[in-house]
Amino acid sequence: MQRRLNLDESYMEAAWTQNNFSVSLEQSLILTMEDEARWMINNGLTAEKQVPNILNSIFEDALKTLKPQAVDIIR
């Protein structure tokens, strides 16, 4: 990132420590993806006629193996 944005090393060290990165998969993201799919269908942006089951595309067991507390999905 430092090279890509042409940032000075001292700035990068100071800025980077202010960030706290994490990865999670929450139910709200699933609902948002379903809403987006519904919007695309309603606006003719896809040939699909039904909202796909997003949960079929998620391998929840693998995610829970890595970090169970970061996965919050209701099936």
C-alpha atoms as a PDB file:
ATOM      1  CA  MET A   1       0.000   0.000   0.000  1.00  0.00           C
ATOM      2  CA  GLN A   2       2.838   2.321   0.860  1.00  0.00           C
ATOM      3  CA  ARG A   3       4.421   1.882  -2.572  1.00  0.00           C
ATOM      4  CA  ARG A   4       1.116   1.985  -4.413  1.00  0.00           C
ATOM      5  CA  LEU A   5       0.081   5.291  -2.813  1.00  0.00           C
ATOM      6  CA  ASN A   6       3.612   6.639  -2.715  1.00  0.00           C
ATOM      7  CA  LEU A   7       3.479   7.248   1.041  1.00  0.00           C
ATOM      8  CA  ASP A   8       6.376   8.122   3.282  1.00  0.00           C
ATOM      9  CA  GLU A   9       7.463   5.325   5.658  1.00  0.00           C
ATOM     10  CA  SER A  10       7.020   7.349   8.867  1.00  0.00           C
ATOM     11  CA  TYR A  11       3.496   8.359   7.828  1.00  0.00           C
ATOM     12  CA  MET A  12       2.666   4.755   7.020  1.00  0.00           C
ATOM     13  CA  GLU A  13       3.875   3.510  10.408  1.00  0.00           C
ATOM     14  CA  ALA A  14       1.799   6.120  12.253  1.00  0.00           C
ATOM     15  CA  ALA A  15      -1.336   5.640  10.138  1.00  0.00           C
ATOM     16  CA  TRP A  16      -1.215   1.842  10.046  1.00  0.00           C
ATOM     17  CA  THR A  17      -1.230   1.472  13.824  1.00  0.00           C
ATOM     18  CA  GLN A  18      -4.505   3.415  13.999  1.00  0.00           C
ATOM     19  CA  ASN A  19      -6.348   0.701  12.066  1.00  0.00           C
ATOM     20  CA  ASN A  20      -7.933  -2.435  13.446  1.00  0.00           C
ATOM     21  CA  PHE A  21      -8.768  -4.850  10.650  1.00  0.00           C
ATOM     22  CA  SER A  22     -11.134  -7.760  11.091  1.00  0.00           C
ATOM     23  CA  VAL A  23     -13.199 -10.126   9.014  1.00  0.00           C
ATOM     24  CA  SER A  24     -16.676 -11.252   9.930  1.00  0.00           C
ATOM     25  CA  LEU A  25     -19.782 -12.649   8.310  1.00  0.00           C
ATOM     26  CA  GLU A  26     -22.987 -11.473   9.898  1.00  0.00           C
ATOM     27  CA  GLN A  27     -26.628 -12.096   9.100  1.00  0.00           C
ATOM     28  CA  SER A  28     -27.040  -8.468   8.051  1.00  0.00           C
ATOM     29  CA  LEU A  29     -24.627  -9.005   5.143  1.00  0.00           C
ATOM     30  CA  ILE A  30     -26.693 -11.955   3.885  1.00  0.00           C
ATOM     31  CA  LEU A  31     -29.847  -9.832   4.040  1.00  0.00           C
ATOM     32  CA  THR A  32     -28.099  -6.988   2.219  1.00  0.00           C
ATOM     33  CA  MET A  33     -26.975  -9.317  -0.586  1.00  0.00           C
ATOM     34  CA  GLU A  34     -30.534 -10.634  -0.935  1.00  0.00           C
ATOM     35  CA  ASP A  35     -31.849  -7.048  -1.082  1.00  0.00           C
ATOM     36  CA  GLU A  36     -29.301  -6.194  -3.773  1.00  0.00           C
ATOM     37  CA  ALA A  37     -30.300  -9.269  -5.791  1.00  0.00           C
ATOM     38  CA  ARG A  38     -33.966  -8.294  -5.466  1.00  0.00           C
ATOM     39  CA  TRP A  39     -33.131  -4.750  -6.633  1.00  0.00           C
ATOM     40  CA  MET A  40     -31.220  -6.096  -9.651  1.00  0.00           C
ATOM     41  CA  ILE A  41     -34.135  -8.342 -10.631  1.00  0.00           C
ATOM     42  CA  ASN A  42     -36.687  -5.547 -10.208  1.00  0.00           C
ATOM     43  CA  ASN A  43     -34.594  -3.194 -12.334  1.00  0.00           C
ATOM     44  CA  GLY A  44     -33.925  -5.669 -15.130  1.00  0.00           C
ATOM     45  CA  LEU A  45     -30.176  -5.802 -14.456  1.00  0.00           C
ATOM     46  CA  THR A  46     -30.057  -9.603 -14.549  1.00  0.00           C
ATOM     47  CA  ALA A  47     -31.788 -12.407 -16.390  1.00  0.00           C
ATOM     48  CA  GLU A  48     -32.574 -14.074 -13.048  1.00  0.00           C
ATOM     49  CA  LYS A  49     -36.206 -14.105 -11.992  1.00  0.00           C
ATOM     50  CA  GLN A  50     -35.790 -15.244  -8.391  1.00  0.00           C
ATOM     51  CA  VAL A  51     -33.484 -14.142  -5.604  1.00  0.00           C
ATOM     52  CA  PRO A  52     -30.872 -16.882  -5.199  1.00  0.00           C
ATOM     53  CA  ASN A  53     -30.342 -18.538  -1.845  1.00  0.00           C
ATOM     54  CA  ILE A  54     -27.151 -16.762  -0.794  1.00  0.00           C
ATOM     55  CA  LEU A  55     -26.567 -19.307   1.975  1.00  0.00           C
ATOM     56  CA  ASN A  56     -25.957 -22.000  -0.658  1.00  0.00           C
ATOM     57  CA  SER A  57     -22.834 -20.081  -1.719  1.00  0.00           C
ATOM     58  CA  ILE A  58     -21.311 -19.893   1.752  1.00  0.00           C
ATOM     59  CA  PHE A  59     -19.268 -22.733   3.223  1.00  0.00           C
ATOM     60  CA  GLU A  60     -20.042 -21.858   6.818  1.00  0.00           C
ATOM     61  CA  ASP A  61     -18.159 -24.797   8.358  1.00  0.00           C
ATOM     62  CA  ALA A  62     -14.840 -23.603   6.933  1.00  0.00           C
ATOM     63  CA  LEU A  63     -15.439 -20.106   8.264  1.00  0.00           C
ATOM     64  CA  LYS A  64     -16.348 -21.421  11.705  1.00  0.00           C
ATOM     65  CA  THR A  65     -13.199 -23.560  11.744  1.00  0.00           C
ATOM     66  CA  LEU A  66     -11.075 -20.450  11.292  1.00  0.00           C
ATOM     67  CA  LYS A  67     -12.902 -18.054  13.622  1.00  0.00           C
ATOM     68  CA  PRO A  68     -16.252 -19.254  14.987  1.00  0.00           C
ATOM     69  CA  GLN A  69     -17.020 -16.043  16.889  1.00  0.00           C
ATOM     70  CA  ALA A  70     -16.839 -14.053  13.622  1.00  0.00           C
ATOM     71  CA  VAL A  71     -19.653 -16.035  11.956  1.00  0.00           C
ATOM     72  CA  ASP A  72     -23.197 -14.999  12.854  1.00  0.00           C
ATOM     73  CA  ILE A  73     -25.535 -16.645  10.348  1.00  0.00           C
ATOM     74  CA  ILE A  74     -29.052 -17.893  10.981  1.00  0.00           C
ATOM     75  CA  ARG A  75     -30.091 -20.717   8.665  1.00  0.00           C
END
